[in-house]
Amino acid sequence: EIAMAEPESPVVVEGEEADLAGVVVSPVVVEAEGHAGAGRADFPEVRPRLEFREDGSFIICQFTDVHFKNGEDRDLQTIRIINETLDRVQPDLVVLTGDIIHGEVLHGNEQLECLKLVAKPMEQRKIPWAAIFGNHDDGEGKAERNKEDMMAALTSGDFAMTQRGPKDISGVGNYHLAVHRRGTNAAAAVLYFVDSGTLAPAPPLGPGGYAWVEPDQIEWFKKEAQKNTARWGTGDGGAKTPLPSLLFLHIPLPEYQNLWDMGVAVGHRREPISCPKRNTGLFTALRPAGVKGVFCGHDHVNDFEGELEGVKLCYGRVTGWPDDNRVSTKGMFQRGARVIRLQQDAPSFDTWLRVDGTEEDYRHTQAKDGKCVVC
């Protein structure tokens, strides 16, 4: 995992020293005592409704690995990219697939304030947004604020769709959202969100490396998918066909490695695939649930995609600047976002990339392994 630099300045939320993209910094430091949004009092009574557009489309923008730290110039550049992407794409939903902040270098209330700063572009534009945790949001278990604390910030916005999810299974933030047929209460697609954990137990207690989706989470997913199919699935009589669905998590499934090794992926693989060393079987549960695509982050300079056994596995495009000289505006891997377009009643989806500094949408046509100069 990439080492992160110490913050150059504290997180701040007032003043007029900089306002590059709606995030303002000043010498006023956020107090560590208490935090706004700890309860649900400011959560809207009715969540924003997700539904297909009049033309039958539904657009999702995936931002991943923002790694917001302390309001420095790189953070403001990241917010600029988010703002410009939102204005260009005009999505119906934004999904933050983990490592939204870099918890290791934040203290006290700073974690919560940084989460809100990242959400601010969506809140300002009244765009619904949903999030899942990565391994760095809680500083790989070392940060002062844990996931339960941070969940308050992720659910406090007027357009926040994030849910804490059940407390009797592993993880914080296992939930699903329905995308409705326009003007009806019937769902036409389902979006699943899974907390992929942080680190696996080190030897001799475990294999080490990154965590995996636990068996109880997989059982939860299967049961929820069955309920959704019974309620909204298509077909008269007999077994119903599940609705087209997508799944979002931070750490890639082991099948991402299989996909790349088979030579059927397109896009960049510029670093090893950091999937867990233990496969707990989530992938085998996807097709019966109607899942057509999986979207992850975690590996900062991978953005490949490809289909494996009827399920498209996709990396996002790194959005933030995680103190990594491979990721820059002029260096080896320019930052951006992944865009996903669902079409009502269509069995599949379309996806492409938005890359900072370019005007056109970017679609992969070939596999690109190893190092690159600009990509």
Protein backbone atom coordinates (compact mmCIF):
# COMPACT_ATOMS: atom_id res chain seq x y z
CA GLU A 1 0.00 0.00 0.00
CA ILE A 2 1.24 3.47 -0.83
CA ALA A 3 2.70 5.50 2.02
CA MET A 4 0.99 8.81 2.57
CA ALA A 5 2.66 12.10 3.42
CA GLU A 6 1.89 13.96 6.60
CA PRO A 7 -0.71 16.72 6.22
CA GLU A 8 0.70 20.15 5.48
CA SER A 9 -2.14 22.03 7.13
CA PRO A 10 -5.18 21.33 9.31
CA VAL A 11 -8.67 20.75 7.97
CA VAL A 12 -10.68 23.94 7.97
CA VAL A 13 -14.18 24.86 6.96
CA GLU A 14 -14.43 28.65 7.01
CA GLY A 15 -12.74 31.68 5.52
CA GLU A 16 -11.71 32.87 2.09
CA GLU A 17 -8.12 31.79 1.56
CA ALA A 18 -9.11 29.44 -1.25
CA ASP A 19 -12.34 28.64 -3.03
CA LEU A 20 -11.19 26.66 -6.02
CA ALA A 21 -14.25 24.48 -6.31
CA GLY A 22 -16.66 25.27 -3.56
CA VAL A 23 -14.37 24.15 -0.73
CA VAL A 24 -13.14 27.07 1.36
CA VAL A 25 -10.19 26.97 3.72
CA SER A 26 -8.96 29.36 6.42
CA PRO A 27 -6.83 29.42 9.56
CA VAL A 28 -9.85 28.37 11.67
CA VAL A 29 -9.29 24.77 12.75
CA VAL A 30 -12.20 22.39 13.20
CA GLU A 31 -12.65 21.48 16.85
CA ALA A 32 -12.22 17.83 17.72
CA GLU A 33 -14.91 17.87 20.41
CA GLY A 34 -18.26 16.51 19.23
CA HIS A 35 -19.44 16.37 15.66
CA ALA A 36 -22.44 17.48 13.69
CA GLY A 37 -24.62 14.81 12.19
CA ALA A 38 -23.87 12.26 14.88
CA GLY A 39 -27.57 11.46 15.10
CA ARG A 40 -30.25 11.18 12.45
CA ALA A 41 -32.12 14.38 13.35
CA ASP A 42 -30.97 16.18 10.20
CA PHE A 43 -31.58 13.23 7.88
CA PRO A 44 -34.43 13.95 5.46
CA GLU A 45 -37.68 12.21 6.25
CA VAL A 46 -38.03 11.20 2.61
CA ARG A 47 -34.90 10.19 0.71
CA PRO A 48 -34.43 11.51 -2.81
CA ARG A 49 -36.19 9.20 -5.23
CA LEU A 50 -34.08 7.33 -7.77
CA GLU A 51 -35.90 6.79 -11.04
CA PHE A 52 -35.18 6.44 -14.72
CA ARG A 53 -35.35 9.53 -16.92
CA GLU A 54 -38.00 10.19 -19.52
CA ASP A 55 -35.67 8.74 -22.19
CA GLY A 56 -35.35 5.55 -20.10
CA SER A 57 -31.76 6.14 -19.01
CA PHE A 58 -30.20 6.37 -15.55
CA ILE A 59 -26.67 7.79 -15.24
CA ILE A 60 -24.28 6.93 -12.40
CA CYS A 61 -20.95 8.65 -11.82
CA GLN A 62 -18.40 6.65 -9.83
CA PHE A 63 -15.70 8.57 -7.96
CA THR A 64 -13.13 6.42 -6.22
CA ASP A 65 -10.09 6.83 -3.99
CA VAL A 66 -10.52 10.55 -3.43
CA HIS A 67 -8.13 10.34 -0.43
CA PHE A 68 -9.12 13.80 0.82
CA LYS A 69 -6.77 14.81 3.63
CA ASN A 70 -6.32 18.38 4.74
CA GLY A 71 -7.68 20.88 2.24
CA GLU A 72 -4.32 21.34 0.52
CA ASP A 73 -4.02 22.20 -3.16
CA ARG A 74 -4.24 18.57 -4.27
CA ASP A 75 -7.53 18.17 -2.41
CA LEU A 76 -8.91 21.29 -4.04
CA GLN A 77 -7.82 20.03 -7.45
CA THR A 78 -9.69 16.82 -6.73
CA ILE A 79 -12.84 18.77 -5.87
CA ARG A 80 -12.39 20.71 -9.10
CA ILE A 81 -12.38 17.41 -11.01
CA ILE A 82 -15.53 16.30 -9.19
CA ASN A 83 -17.27 19.60 -9.94
CA GLU A 84 -16.32 19.60 -13.60
CA THR A 85 -17.32 15.97 -14.01
CA LEU A 86 -20.71 16.54 -12.40
CA ASP A 87 -21.39 19.53 -14.62
CA ARG A 88 -20.39 17.59 -17.72
CA VAL A 89 -22.09 14.27 -16.96
CA GLN A 90 -25.09 15.53 -14.95
CA PRO A 91 -25.62 12.13 -13.31
CA ASP A 92 -28.72 10.88 -11.57
CA LEU A 93 -26.59 9.32 -8.81
CA VAL A 94 -23.00 9.59 -7.60
CA VAL A 95 -21.31 6.59 -5.97
CA LEU A 96 -18.16 7.03 -3.86
CA THR A 97 -16.45 3.63 -3.81
CA GLY A 98 -14.27 4.00 -0.75
CA ASP A 99 -11.07 5.67 0.43
CA ILE A 100 -13.02 8.91 0.36
CA ILE A 101 -10.62 10.31 2.97
CA HIS A 102 -7.20 9.28 4.23
CA GLY A 103 -7.95 8.62 7.87
CA GLU A 104 -4.34 8.02 8.89
CA VAL A 105 -3.47 11.71 8.68
CA LEU A 106 -6.70 13.15 10.09
CA HIS A 107 -7.54 13.74 13.74
CA GLY A 108 -10.70 14.05 15.79
CA ASN A 109 -13.49 15.72 13.89
CA GLU A 110 -11.41 16.17 10.76
CA GLN A 111 -12.49 12.82 9.31
CA LEU A 112 -16.14 13.80 9.53
CA GLU A 113 -15.61 17.28 8.12
CA CYS A 114 -13.58 15.94 5.19
CA LEU A 115 -16.35 13.50 4.30
CA LYS A 116 -18.79 16.40 4.20
CA LEU A 117 -16.45 18.47 2.04
CA VAL A 118 -16.26 15.67 -0.52
CA ALA A 119 -20.06 15.41 -0.52
CA LYS A 120 -20.52 19.16 -0.90
CA PRO A 121 -20.42 19.25 -4.74
CA MET A 122 -23.30 16.76 -4.88
CA GLU A 123 -25.27 18.50 -2.16
CA GLN A 124 -24.87 21.87 -3.88
CA ARG A 125 -26.22 20.42 -7.13
CA LYS A 126 -28.97 18.40 -5.43
CA ILE A 127 -27.60 15.16 -6.86
CA PRO A 128 -28.29 12.01 -4.83
CA TRP A 129 -25.12 10.27 -3.71
CA ALA A 130 -24.22 7.00 -2.01
CA ALA A 131 -20.99 5.78 -0.46
CA ILE A 132 -19.14 2.75 0.82
CA PHE A 133 -16.01 2.59 2.94
CA GLY A 134 -12.52 1.67 1.79
CA ASN A 135 -9.55 0.55 3.84
CA HIS A 136 -8.20 4.06 4.38
CA ASP A 137 -11.33 5.88 5.55
CA ASP A 138 -10.75 4.60 9.08
CA GLY A 139 -6.97 4.60 8.66
CA GLU A 140 -6.94 0.80 8.36
CA GLY A 141 -8.40 0.66 11.84
CA LYS A 142 -5.97 3.20 13.34
CA ALA A 143 -7.89 6.45 12.91
CA GLU A 144 -9.57 8.21 15.84
CA ARG A 145 -13.03 7.96 14.27
CA ASN A 146 -14.33 4.53 13.30
CA LYS A 147 -16.81 3.59 10.60
CA GLU A 148 -19.79 3.97 12.91
CA ASP A 149 -18.74 7.56 13.63
CA MET A 150 -18.19 8.32 9.96
CA MET A 151 -21.49 6.79 8.90
CA ALA A 152 -23.20 9.74 10.59
CA ALA A 153 -21.47 12.11 8.16
CA LEU A 154 -22.35 9.90 5.19
CA THR A 155 -26.05 9.90 6.05
CA SER A 156 -26.50 13.51 7.13
CA GLY A 157 -26.79 15.27 3.78
CA ASP A 158 -30.12 16.17 2.23
CA PHE A 159 -29.23 14.08 -0.83
CA ALA A 160 -27.34 11.31 0.95
CA MET A 161 -28.59 7.85 0.04
CA THR A 162 -26.02 5.94 2.11
CA GLN A 163 -27.39 3.55 4.72
CA ARG A 164 -25.77 1.95 7.72
CA GLY A 165 -27.33 -1.40 6.90
CA PRO A 166 -27.91 -4.33 9.27
CA LYS A 167 -25.90 -4.41 12.48
CA ASP A 168 -25.99 -8.18 12.86
CA ILE A 169 -23.61 -8.91 9.97
CA SER A 170 -20.01 -7.95 9.23
CA GLY A 171 -19.21 -4.49 7.92
CA VAL A 172 -20.73 -1.04 8.12
CA GLY A 173 -22.68 0.04 5.06
CA ASN A 174 -24.20 -3.07 3.46
CA TYR A 175 -27.38 -1.88 1.73
CA HIS A 176 -29.21 -1.63 -1.56
CA LEU A 177 -31.15 1.03 -3.47
CA ALA A 178 -33.92 0.64 -6.01
CA VAL A 179 -34.08 2.61 -9.24
CA HIS A 180 -37.77 3.04 -10.07
CA ARG A 181 -39.66 3.16 -13.28
CA ARG A 182 -40.47 6.78 -13.89
CA GLY A 183 -43.60 7.89 -12.07
CA THR A 184 -44.25 4.51 -10.42
CA ASN A 185 -43.39 2.67 -7.22
CA ALA A 186 -42.06 -0.31 -9.17
CA ALA A 187 -38.32 -0.84 -9.32
CA ALA A 188 -36.61 -1.47 -12.65
CA ALA A 189 -33.05 -1.95 -11.34
CA VAL A 190 -31.30 -2.57 -8.04
CA LEU A 191 -27.95 -1.22 -6.79
CA TYR A 192 -26.11 -3.17 -4.08
CA PHE A 193 -23.39 -1.73 -1.82
CA VAL A 194 -21.05 -3.91 0.23
CA ASP A 195 -18.39 -3.06 2.80
CA SER A 196 -15.32 -5.00 1.62
CA GLY A 197 -13.44 -4.47 4.89
CA THR A 198 -9.90 -3.35 5.58
CA LEU A 199 -7.12 -5.82 6.33
CA ALA A 200 -7.10 -9.59 6.69
CA PRO A 201 -5.60 -11.17 9.81
CA ALA A 202 -1.85 -11.59 9.53
CA PRO A 203 -0.21 -15.03 9.86
CA PRO A 204 -0.61 -17.27 11.75
CA LEU A 205 -4.24 -16.16 12.25
CA GLY A 206 -4.86 -15.53 8.58
CA PRO A 207 -3.24 -15.07 5.16
CA GLY A 208 -2.59 -11.35 5.57
CA GLY A 209 -3.19 -8.82 2.82
CA TYR A 210 -6.60 -7.25 2.31
CA ALA A 211 -9.92 -8.28 3.78
CA TRP A 212 -12.64 -10.22 1.98
CA VAL A 213 -16.40 -10.00 1.96
CA GLU A 214 -17.47 -12.20 4.87
CA PRO A 215 -19.83 -15.20 4.47
CA ASP A 216 -22.56 -13.52 6.53
CA GLN A 217 -22.51 -10.55 4.14
CA ILE A 218 -22.90 -12.91 1.19
CA GLU A 219 -25.86 -14.61 2.86
CA TRP A 220 -27.40 -11.19 3.49
CA PHE A 221 -26.88 -10.29 -0.17
CA LYS A 222 -28.52 -13.50 -1.39
CA LYS A 223 -31.53 -13.07 0.87
CA GLU A 224 -32.02 -9.43 -0.11
CA ALA A 225 -31.73 -10.33 -3.78
CA GLN A 226 -34.34 -13.05 -3.36
CA LYS A 227 -36.70 -10.58 -1.67
CA ASN A 228 -36.15 -8.03 -4.42
CA THR A 229 -36.81 -10.63 -7.12
CA ALA A 230 -40.00 -11.77 -5.38
CA ARG A 231 -41.20 -8.18 -5.13
CA TRP A 232 -40.05 -6.68 -8.43
CA GLY A 233 -38.85 -9.53 -10.64
CA THR A 234 -40.33 -10.01 -14.09
CA GLY A 235 -42.30 -12.93 -15.47
CA ASP A 236 -45.78 -14.30 -14.96
CA GLY A 237 -46.07 -17.41 -12.83
CA GLY A 238 -43.23 -19.72 -11.96
CA ALA A 239 -39.79 -18.39 -11.10
CA LYS A 240 -39.34 -14.68 -11.65
CA THR A 241 -36.35 -13.16 -13.42
CA PRO A 242 -34.36 -10.81 -11.18
CA LEU A 243 -34.06 -7.16 -12.11
CA PRO A 244 -30.81 -5.97 -13.71
CA SER A 245 -28.52 -5.04 -10.84
CA LEU A 246 -25.08 -3.57 -10.12
CA LEU A 247 -22.79 -4.09 -7.14
CA PHE A 248 -20.31 -1.58 -5.69
CA LEU A 249 -17.45 -2.31 -3.28
CA HIS A 250 -13.95 -1.00 -2.66
CA ILE A 251 -11.54 -3.94 -2.78
CA PRO A 252 -11.67 -5.95 -6.04
CA LEU A 253 -12.94 -9.50 -5.94
CA PRO A 254 -10.41 -12.30 -6.65
CA GLU A 255 -12.16 -12.80 -9.99
CA TYR A 256 -10.65 -9.53 -11.22
CA GLN A 257 -7.33 -11.39 -11.29
CA ASN A 258 -8.93 -14.28 -13.15
CA LEU A 259 -10.39 -11.86 -15.68
CA TRP A 260 -7.03 -10.25 -16.38
CA ASP A 261 -5.21 -13.58 -16.59
CA MET A 262 -7.71 -14.80 -19.18
CA GLY A 263 -6.77 -11.93 -21.49
CA VAL A 264 -10.33 -10.72 -22.04
CA ALA A 265 -10.10 -7.37 -20.22
CA VAL A 266 -9.57 -3.98 -21.82
CA GLY A 267 -8.01 -1.00 -20.09
CA HIS A 268 -5.03 -0.35 -17.89
CA ARG A 269 -3.41 -2.60 -15.33
CA ARG A 270 -0.51 -0.55 -13.99
CA GLU A 271 -0.13 -2.24 -10.61
CA PRO A 272 -0.82 -5.69 -9.14
CA ILE A 273 -4.46 -6.50 -8.49
CA SER A 274 -4.80 -6.14 -4.72
CA CYS A 275 -7.64 -8.58 -4.19
CA PRO A 276 -8.02 -10.65 -1.01
CA LYS A 277 -6.10 -13.91 -0.70
CA ARG A 278 -9.25 -15.77 0.31
CA ASN A 279 -12.22 -16.21 -1.99
CA THR A 280 -15.46 -16.43 -0.01
CA GLY A 281 -17.72 -16.94 -3.03
CA LEU A 282 -19.51 -13.64 -3.57
CA PHE A 283 -18.98 -13.81 -7.32
CA THR A 284 -20.88 -17.08 -7.65
CA ALA A 285 -23.91 -15.41 -6.02
CA LEU A 286 -24.03 -12.51 -8.49
CA ARG A 287 -25.63 -13.97 -11.62
CA PRO A 288 -28.55 -15.61 -9.77
CA ALA A 289 -29.22 -12.19 -8.23
CA GLY A 290 -29.30 -10.46 -11.61
CA VAL A 291 -26.04 -8.56 -11.11
CA LYS A 292 -24.68 -7.46 -14.47
CA GLY A 293 -21.71 -5.41 -13.29
CA VAL A 294 -19.33 -4.96 -10.35
CA PHE A 295 -17.47 -1.70 -9.69
CA CYS A 296 -14.49 -1.29 -7.36
CA GLY A 297 -11.57 1.04 -6.65
CA HIS A 298 -8.57 0.46 -4.35
CA ASP A 299 -5.85 0.00 -6.99
CA HIS A 300 -4.99 3.54 -8.03
CA VAL A 301 -3.60 2.91 -11.49
CA ASN A 302 -5.88 0.14 -12.69
CA ASP A 303 -9.02 0.96 -14.65
CA PHE A 304 -9.62 -2.14 -16.77
CA GLU A 305 -12.95 -3.82 -17.40
CA GLY A 306 -14.17 -7.06 -18.90
CA GLU A 307 -16.85 -9.71 -18.76
CA LEU A 308 -16.48 -12.94 -16.82
CA GLU A 309 -19.25 -15.53 -16.85
CA GLY A 310 -21.86 -12.96 -17.79
CA VAL A 311 -20.80 -10.34 -15.22
CA LYS A 312 -18.76 -7.29 -16.22
CA LEU A 313 -16.02 -6.49 -13.70
CA CYS A 314 -14.91 -2.84 -13.78
CA TYR A 315 -12.43 -0.70 -11.95
CA GLY A 316 -13.26 2.95 -11.45
CA ARG A 317 -10.83 5.65 -12.51
CA VAL A 318 -8.92 7.12 -9.57
CA THR A 319 -10.36 10.54 -8.69
CA GLY A 320 -8.05 11.76 -5.93
CA TRP A 321 -4.36 12.35 -5.56
CA PRO A 322 -3.17 9.81 -2.98
CA ASP A 323 0.40 11.15 -2.63
CA ASP A 324 1.34 8.85 -5.46
CA ASN A 325 3.58 10.18 -8.23
CA ARG A 326 1.94 7.73 -10.63
CA VAL A 327 -1.29 9.72 -10.33
CA SER A 328 -1.11 13.34 -11.44
CA THR A 329 -2.36 15.88 -13.92
CA LYS A 330 0.85 15.66 -15.97
CA GLY A 331 2.28 12.32 -14.89
CA MET A 332 1.60 8.72 -15.60
CA PHE A 333 -2.09 8.33 -14.80
CA GLN A 334 -4.50 11.23 -15.06
CA ARG A 335 -7.42 11.29 -12.65
CA GLY A 336 -11.08 11.11 -13.47
CA ALA A 337 -14.25 9.08 -12.98
CA ARG A 338 -16.23 6.19 -14.40
CA VAL A 339 -19.67 6.78 -15.88
CA ILE A 340 -22.34 4.06 -16.00
CA ARG A 341 -25.54 4.26 -18.01
CA LEU A 342 -28.44 1.94 -17.27
CA GLN A 343 -31.35 1.73 -19.69
CA GLN A 344 -34.77 0.76 -18.39
CA ASP A 345 -35.70 -2.83 -19.36
CA ALA A 346 -32.31 -3.39 -21.00
CA PRO A 347 -30.42 -6.50 -19.84
CA SER A 348 -27.02 -4.77 -19.80
CA PHE A 349 -25.41 -1.36 -19.29
CA ASP A 350 -22.91 0.96 -20.92
CA THR A 351 -19.81 2.41 -19.23
CA TRP A 352 -16.94 4.72 -20.07
CA LEU A 353 -14.38 7.00 -18.42
CA ARG A 354 -14.08 10.73 -17.91
CA VAL A 355 -10.42 11.77 -17.68
CA ASP A 356 -9.25 15.14 -16.39
CA GLY A 357 -7.96 17.42 -19.11
CA THR A 358 -9.92 15.78 -21.92
CA GLU A 359 -13.22 16.81 -23.46
CA GLU A 360 -14.24 13.47 -24.93
CA ASP A 361 -15.48 10.36 -23.19
CA TYR A 362 -12.83 7.66 -23.06
CA ARG A 363 -13.60 4.05 -23.95
CA HIS A 364 -11.04 1.28 -23.69
CA THR A 365 -10.46 -0.85 -26.76
CA GLN A 366 -7.42 -2.89 -25.74
CA ALA A 367 -5.55 -4.19 -22.71
CA LYS A 368 -2.62 -2.07 -21.54
CA ASP A 369 -0.27 -3.70 -19.07
CA GLY A 370 2.87 -2.37 -17.38
CA LYS A 371 4.09 1.21 -17.21
CA CYS A 372 2.97 4.14 -19.33
CA VAL A 373 3.94 7.78 -19.82
CA VAL A 374 0.52 9.40 -20.05
CA CYS A 375 -2.68 7.37 -20.07
